Amino acid sequence: MRITASSSDIAAPSGPVPSSSRPPVPSLTGWPGSEIMADPITARVLFSVWSGDPAVVVPSPPGAGKTRLVALLAAALAHRADLRVGIAAQTREQAVEIARRLGTLTDRAALMWKAKAPAPDSGDTPVVSGQKVRWQGDVGAILIGTTARWLFSDPDRVGADVLIVDESWQCTYADLGALGAMAKQVV
């Protein structure tokens, strides 16, 4: 069913509306990841996740901006919906690159890293390992790690509301299926 309305169908209020009774209008810009709304395709991905679709697939060729979409989507979901967003990258280098990108957008991200390995330069994103791998605070947060790191993690401790799998075509079918246990929604 499709509902449309023209400006003549909407009744104008009679007289001025007191400013104290007007509901606040949410800002469409100025929040981390708001650039996702600039393009109808990326905005549709955000809407699909907010709508609760259990799986969202974004097919596109190499170099089309999927990693940028991952960073914007994660920031938007963490800040605007207060969701716990997990990001699974296929390599350590990809995870570090996503952490650097998110460091410029938000302070709610953390990079999961192996405890005995030297910490990488992840920009403004903190690196967590061992027992420190957990969600920061009660509001939306972002955890970034490799697919292998996510599969090694305890879903009861670091399970996400949404798990975004970057470059999922590089993932084995078994690993991609196993990642589904880490979140209610997978992008």
C-alpha atoms as a PDB file:
ATOM      1  CA  MET A   1       0.000   0.000   0.000  1.00  0.00           C
ATOM      2  CA  ARG A   2       1.352   3.404  -0.944  1.00  0.00           C
ATOM      3  CA  ILE A   3       0.189   6.595   0.692  1.00  0.00           C
ATOM      4  CA  THR A   4       0.807   9.961  -0.890  1.00  0.00           C
ATOM      5  CA  ALA A   5      -0.222  13.418   0.179  1.00  0.00           C
ATOM      6  CA  SER A   6      -0.051  16.748  -1.538  1.00  0.00           C
ATOM      7  CA  SER A   7       0.449  20.034   0.254  1.00  0.00           C
ATOM      8  CA  SER A   8      -3.273  20.799  -0.180  1.00  0.00           C
ATOM      9  CA  ASP A   9      -4.180  17.602   1.762  1.00  0.00           C
ATOM     10  CA  ILE A  10      -2.381  18.778   4.893  1.00  0.00           C
ATOM     11  CA  ALA A  11      -4.342  21.206   7.019  1.00  0.00           C
ATOM     12  CA  ALA A  12      -2.475  24.222   8.264  1.00  0.00           C
ATOM     13  CA  PRO A  13      -2.888  25.017  11.947  1.00  0.00           C
ATOM     14  CA  SER A  14      -5.278  27.838  12.722  1.00  0.00           C
ATOM     15  CA  GLY A  15      -3.235  30.616  14.254  1.00  0.00           C
ATOM     16  CA  PRO A  16       0.360  30.556  15.429  1.00  0.00           C
ATOM     17  CA  VAL A  17       1.678  27.459  17.184  1.00  0.00           C
ATOM     18  CA  PRO A  18       3.435  28.278  20.447  1.00  0.00           C
ATOM     19  CA  SER A  19       7.123  27.395  20.235  1.00  0.00           C
ATOM     20  CA  SER A  20       6.945  25.445  23.511  1.00  0.00           C
ATOM     21  CA  SER A  21       4.423  22.968  22.040  1.00  0.00           C
ATOM     22  CA  ARG A  22       6.435  22.218  18.887  1.00  0.00           C
ATOM     23  CA  PRO A  23       8.250  18.884  18.985  1.00  0.00           C
ATOM     24  CA  PRO A  24      12.005  19.152  18.541  1.00  0.00           C
ATOM     25  CA  VAL A  25      13.150  18.497  14.993  1.00  0.00           C
ATOM     26  CA  PRO A  26      16.085  16.083  14.834  1.00  0.00           C
ATOM     27  CA  SER A  27      19.096  17.326  12.939  1.00  0.00           C
ATOM     28  CA  LEU A  28      19.789  15.511   9.684  1.00  0.00           C
ATOM     29  CA  THR A  29      23.396  16.657   9.618  1.00  0.00           C
ATOM     30  CA  GLY A  30      26.147  17.246  12.105  1.00  0.00           C
ATOM     31  CA  TRP A  31      26.169  13.775  13.691  1.00  0.00           C
ATOM     32  CA  PRO A  32      28.917  11.202  13.068  1.00  0.00           C
ATOM     33  CA  GLY A  33      28.215   9.350   9.833  1.00  0.00           C
ATOM     34  CA  SER A  34      25.607  11.845   8.583  1.00  0.00           C
ATOM     35  CA  GLU A  35      27.281  11.821   5.151  1.00  0.00           C
ATOM     36  CA  ILE A  36      25.514   8.493   4.619  1.00  0.00           C
ATOM     37  CA  MET A  37      22.314  10.469   3.993  1.00  0.00           C
ATOM     38  CA  ALA A  38      23.844  12.361   1.024  1.00  0.00           C
ATOM     39  CA  ASP A  39      23.345   9.448  -1.368  1.00  0.00           C
ATOM     40  CA  PRO A  40      20.028   7.615  -1.829  1.00  0.00           C
ATOM     41  CA  ILE A  41      21.716   4.209  -2.082  1.00  0.00           C
ATOM     42  CA  THR A  42      23.714   4.522   1.133  1.00  0.00           C
ATOM     43  CA  ALA A  43      20.711   6.077   2.887  1.00  0.00           C
ATOM     44  CA  ARG A  44      18.692   3.014   1.819  1.00  0.00           C
ATOM     45  CA  VAL A  45      21.278   0.735   3.468  1.00  0.00           C
ATOM     46  CA  LEU A  46      20.916   2.708   6.712  1.00  0.00           C
ATOM     47  CA  PHE A  47      17.120   2.504   6.470  1.00  0.00           C
ATOM     48  CA  SER A  48      17.269  -1.268   5.879  1.00  0.00           C
ATOM     49  CA  VAL A  49      19.316  -1.761   9.034  1.00  0.00           C
ATOM     50  CA  TRP A  50      17.081   0.574  11.079  1.00  0.00           C
ATOM     51  CA  SER A  51      14.053  -1.334   9.762  1.00  0.00           C
ATOM     52  CA  GLY A  52      15.389  -4.549  11.247  1.00  0.00           C
ATOM     53  CA  ASP A  53      16.172  -6.517   8.087  1.00  0.00           C
ATOM     54  CA  PRO A  54      18.082  -9.583   9.357  1.00  0.00           C
ATOM     55  CA  ALA A  55      20.569  -9.486   6.465  1.00  0.00           C
ATOM     56  CA  VAL A  56      21.498  -6.628   4.168  1.00  0.00           C
ATOM     57  CA  VAL A  57      23.738  -7.225   1.161  1.00  0.00           C
ATOM     58  CA  VAL A  58      25.486  -4.339  -0.598  1.00  0.00           C
ATOM     59  CA  PRO A  59      26.773  -5.598  -3.948  1.00  0.00           C
ATOM     60  CA  SER A  60      29.229  -3.272  -5.659  1.00  0.00           C
ATOM     61  CA  PRO A  61      32.495  -3.461  -7.583  1.00  0.00           C
ATOM     62  CA  PRO A  62      35.951  -2.871  -6.099  1.00  0.00           C
ATOM     63  CA  GLY A  63      36.679   0.789  -5.429  1.00  0.00           C
ATOM     64  CA  ALA A  64      33.009   1.762  -5.146  1.00  0.00           C
ATOM     65  CA  GLY A  65      33.305   2.958  -1.537  1.00  0.00           C
ATOM     66  CA  LYS A  66      32.132  -0.038   0.493  1.00  0.00           C
ATOM     67  CA  THR A  67      34.691   0.550   3.249  1.00  0.00           C
ATOM     68  CA  ARG A  68      33.624   4.196   3.474  1.00  0.00           C
ATOM     69  CA  LEU A  69      30.027   2.966   3.747  1.00  0.00           C
ATOM     70  CA  VAL A  70      31.087   0.609   6.560  1.00  0.00           C
ATOM     71  CA  ALA A  71      32.596   3.481   8.556  1.00  0.00           C
ATOM     72  CA  LEU A  72      29.663   5.853   7.983  1.00  0.00           C
ATOM     73  CA  LEU A  73      27.066   3.177   8.718  1.00  0.00           C
ATOM     74  CA  ALA A  74      28.787   2.107  11.939  1.00  0.00           C
ATOM     75  CA  ALA A  75      29.105   5.697  13.167  1.00  0.00           C
ATOM     76  CA  ALA A  76      25.491   6.500  12.300  1.00  0.00           C
ATOM     77  CA  LEU A  77      24.123   3.385  14.036  1.00  0.00           C
ATOM     78  CA  ALA A  78      26.250   3.895  17.148  1.00  0.00           C
ATOM     79  CA  HIS A  79      25.347   7.573  17.537  1.00  0.00           C
ATOM     80  CA  ARG A  80      21.812   7.860  16.179  1.00  0.00           C
ATOM     81  CA  ALA A  81      20.396   4.482  17.264  1.00  0.00           C
ATOM     82  CA  ASP A  82      22.673   3.693  20.244  1.00  0.00           C
ATOM     83  CA  LEU A  83      23.377   0.250  18.787  1.00  0.00           C
ATOM     84  CA  ARG A  84      26.378  -1.924  19.464  1.00  0.00           C
ATOM     85  CA  VAL A  85      27.999  -2.294  16.064  1.00  0.00           C
ATOM     86  CA  GLY A  86      30.610  -4.912  15.290  1.00  0.00           C
ATOM     87  CA  ILE A  87      32.806  -4.720  12.219  1.00  0.00           C
ATOM     88  CA  ALA A  88      34.503  -7.839  10.869  1.00  0.00           C
ATOM     89  CA  ALA A  89      37.341  -7.247   8.401  1.00  0.00           C
ATOM     90  CA  GLN A  90      39.116  -9.997   6.536  1.00  0.00           C
ATOM     91  CA  THR A  91      42.697  -8.942   7.288  1.00  0.00           C
ATOM     92  CA  ARG A  92      44.459  -7.043  10.065  1.00  0.00           C
ATOM     93  CA  GLU A  93      45.371  -4.295   7.613  1.00  0.00           C
ATOM     94  CA  GLN A  94      41.717  -3.846   6.664  1.00  0.00           C
ATOM     95  CA  ALA A  95      40.705  -3.702  10.341  1.00  0.00           C
ATOM     96  CA  VAL A  96      43.351  -1.059  11.082  1.00  0.00           C
ATOM     97  CA  GLU A  97      42.258   1.021   8.068  1.00  0.00           C
ATOM     98  CA  ILE A  98      38.630   0.936   9.229  1.00  0.00           C
ATOM     99  CA  ALA A  99      39.755   1.900  12.750  1.00  0.00           C
ATOM    100  CA  ARG A 100      41.655   4.894  11.343  1.00  0.00           C
ATOM    101  CA  ARG A 101      38.620   6.005   9.334  1.00  0.00           C
ATOM    102  CA  LEU A 102      36.325   5.647  12.330  1.00  0.00           C
ATOM    103  CA  GLY A 103      38.786   7.564  14.500  1.00  0.00           C
ATOM    104  CA  THR A 104      38.084  10.641  12.387  1.00  0.00           C
ATOM    105  CA  LEU A 105      34.303  10.186  12.791  1.00  0.00           C
ATOM    106  CA  THR A 106      33.680   9.030  16.348  1.00  0.00           C
ATOM    107  CA  ASP A 107      35.189   8.380  19.754  1.00  0.00           C
ATOM    108  CA  ARG A 108      32.988   5.320  20.325  1.00  0.00           C
ATOM    109  CA  ALA A 109      35.130   2.833  18.394  1.00  0.00           C
ATOM    110  CA  ALA A 110      37.769   0.369  19.575  1.00  0.00           C
ATOM    111  CA  LEU A 111      40.014  -2.032  17.666  1.00  0.00           C
ATOM    112  CA  MET A 112      40.229  -5.597  19.000  1.00  0.00           C
ATOM    113  CA  TRP A 113      43.797  -6.883  18.807  1.00  0.00           C
ATOM    114  CA  LYS A 114      45.783  -9.932  19.820  1.00  0.00           C
ATOM    115  CA  ALA A 115      47.165  -9.494  23.356  1.00  0.00           C
ATOM    116  CA  LYS A 116      50.786 -10.424  22.646  1.00  0.00           C
ATOM    117  CA  ALA A 117      51.088  -8.656  19.298  1.00  0.00           C
ATOM    118  CA  PRO A 118      52.389  -5.085  19.128  1.00  0.00           C
ATOM    119  CA  ALA A 119      49.549  -2.574  18.883  1.00  0.00           C
ATOM    120  CA  PRO A 120      49.166  -1.008  15.441  1.00  0.00           C
ATOM    121  CA  ASP A 121      48.902   2.696  14.649  1.00  0.00           C
ATOM    122  CA  SER A 122      45.107   2.952  14.568  1.00  0.00           C
ATOM    123  CA  GLY A 123      44.917   6.731  14.642  1.00  0.00           C
ATOM    124  CA  ASP A 124      42.524   8.051  17.280  1.00  0.00           C
ATOM    125  CA  THR A 125      40.860   4.647  17.809  1.00  0.00           C
ATOM    126  CA  PRO A 126      42.005   2.856  20.984  1.00  0.00           C
ATOM    127  CA  VAL A 127      43.316  -0.711  20.780  1.00  0.00           C
ATOM    128  CA  VAL A 128      41.874  -3.253  23.238  1.00  0.00           C
ATOM    129  CA  SER A 129      42.972  -6.837  23.883  1.00  0.00           C
ATOM    130  CA  GLY A 130      42.568  -9.701  26.321  1.00  0.00           C
ATOM    131  CA  GLN A 131      40.064  -9.077  29.122  1.00  0.00           C
ATOM    132  CA  LYS A 132      39.639  -5.442  28.031  1.00  0.00           C
ATOM    133  CA  VAL A 133      37.703  -6.499  24.918  1.00  0.00           C
ATOM    134  CA  ARG A 134      34.174  -5.438  25.749  1.00  0.00           C
ATOM    135  CA  TRP A 135      31.647  -2.766  24.876  1.00  0.00           C
ATOM    136  CA  GLN A 136      32.389   0.728  26.107  1.00  0.00           C
ATOM    137  CA  GLY A 137      29.539   2.108  28.222  1.00  0.00           C
ATOM    138  CA  ASP A 138      25.808   1.595  27.933  1.00  0.00           C
ATOM    139  CA  VAL A 139      25.266   3.604  24.749  1.00  0.00           C
ATOM    140  CA  GLY A 140      26.128   2.755  21.164  1.00  0.00           C
ATOM    141  CA  ALA A 141      29.674   1.617  20.538  1.00  0.00           C
ATOM    142  CA  ILE A 142      31.749   0.059  17.771  1.00  0.00           C
ATOM    143  CA  LEU A 143      34.161  -2.887  17.995  1.00  0.00           C
ATOM    144  CA  ILE A 144      36.414  -3.607  15.024  1.00  0.00           C
ATOM    145  CA  GLY A 145      38.285  -6.851  14.488  1.00  0.00           C
ATOM    146  CA  THR A 146      39.162  -9.488  11.953  1.00  0.00           C
ATOM    147  CA  THR A 147      36.709 -12.256  11.150  1.00  0.00           C
ATOM    148  CA  ALA A 148      39.044 -14.682  12.951  1.00  0.00           C
ATOM    149  CA  ARG A 149      39.061 -12.442  16.055  1.00  0.00           C
ATOM    150  CA  TRP A 150      35.258 -12.265  16.061  1.00  0.00           C
ATOM    151  CA  LEU A 151      34.973 -16.048  15.726  1.00  0.00           C
ATOM    152  CA  PHE A 152      37.393 -16.446  18.651  1.00  0.00           C
ATOM    153  CA  SER A 153      35.313 -14.075  20.848  1.00  0.00           C
ATOM    154  CA  ASP A 154      32.558 -14.995  23.287  1.00  0.00           C
ATOM    155  CA  PRO A 155      29.164 -13.946  21.827  1.00  0.00           C
ATOM    156  CA  ASP A 156      27.760 -13.466  25.336  1.00  0.00           C
ATOM    157  CA  ARG A 157      30.406 -10.845  26.089  1.00  0.00           C
ATOM    158  CA  VAL A 158      30.878  -9.067  22.759  1.00  0.00           C
ATOM    159  CA  GLY A 159      27.764  -9.993  20.787  1.00  0.00           C
ATOM    160  CA  ALA A 160      26.609  -7.044  18.688  1.00  0.00           C
ATOM    161  CA  ASP A 161      23.234  -5.653  17.684  1.00  0.00           C
ATOM    162  CA  VAL A 162      24.529  -5.298  14.109  1.00  0.00           C
ATOM    163  CA  LEU A 163      27.604  -6.930  12.591  1.00  0.00           C
ATOM    164  CA  ILE A 164      29.008  -5.351   9.438  1.00  0.00           C
ATOM    165  CA  VAL A 165      31.236  -7.675   7.413  1.00  0.00           C
ATOM    166  CA  ASP A 166      33.641  -5.692   5.239  1.00  0.00           C
ATOM    167  CA  GLU A 167      34.730  -7.425   2.028  1.00  0.00           C
ATOM    168  CA  SER A 168      32.516 -10.421   2.832  1.00  0.00           C
ATOM    169  CA  TRP A 169      33.234 -11.921  -0.586  1.00  0.00           C
ATOM    170  CA  GLN A 170      36.725 -12.735   0.794  1.00  0.00           C
ATOM    171  CA  CYS A 171      35.139 -14.683   3.662  1.00  0.00           C
ATOM    172  CA  THR A 172      34.520 -18.424   3.485  1.00  0.00           C
ATOM    173  CA  TYR A 173      30.893 -19.490   3.558  1.00  0.00           C
ATOM    174  CA  ALA A 174      31.498 -21.287   6.870  1.00  0.00           C
ATOM    175  CA  ASP A 175      33.034 -18.202   8.499  1.00  0.00           C
ATOM    176  CA  LEU A 176      30.271 -15.930   7.217  1.00  0.00           C
ATOM    177  CA  GLY A 177      27.639 -18.299   8.577  1.00  0.00           C
ATOM    178  CA  ALA A 178      29.406 -18.510  11.939  1.00  0.00           C
ATOM    179  CA  LEU A 179      29.553 -14.704  12.177  1.00  0.00           C
ATOM    180  CA  GLY A 180      25.745 -14.747  12.199  1.00  0.00           C
ATOM    181  CA  ALA A 181      25.899 -15.980  15.805  1.00  0.00           C
ATOM    182  CA  MET A 182      27.560 -12.712  16.831  1.00  0.00           C
ATOM    183  CA  ALA A 183      24.605 -10.422  15.993  1.00  0.00           C
ATOM    184  CA  LYS A 184      20.900 -10.240  15.274  1.00  0.00           C
ATOM    185  CA  GLN A 185      21.572  -8.417  12.005  1.00  0.00           C
ATOM    186  CA  VAL A 186      24.389  -8.845   9.509  1.00  0.00           C
ATOM    187  CA  VAL A 187      25.340  -6.328   6.809  1.00  0.00           C
END
